[in-house]
């Protein structure tokens, strides 16, 4: 089944995005809106926060029973001529999922760092076991290293996906130049 994706515009809420990407009408409009928003967040977890709405970013647009996707959603053609389009769409979907995954991990590290930086936790730990202060500091350092490593991996993956997309575009241009008219 071909991948379906869309490009983020000026939307800053999942509600606005859902209205643009799906035909939401009828008596059950509110329920359809809720289902569309939930499906978009499940497919693109970064949309749960305001920082997930980067204009020009690509997102996966899942199919939802009873809802039709709008013309804003890109679908690759199943024919041989559409293979490069399908590959490009899949690469863009991969980029979207990678961004979501790294964003979730970054958020978890941030939350953990906030917990171990809690003065009350540190005071209790110092009372219970003096060595725990050293353990907490080592944990902080590991979290910092993990963040640096994750950033480097994300950058390499992003560069690789971008290069793959550029390669697909070059192949598409070659096909279009060599195709009989």
Foldseek 3Di string as FASTA:
>chain_A
DFFKKAFFAPDQALLVVLVQFKPADDPCRVVSSVVQSVVQCVQQVLRVDSVSRDGGQMTTRDDDPPIDTDPRMDTFDPDPLRPLVRVLSVLSSVLRVLVRVLVVVLVVLVVVLVVLVPPVVVVVCCVVPVCVVVVSVVVVVVSVVVNVVSVVVNVVSVVVSVVVNVVSVVVNVVCVVPDDD
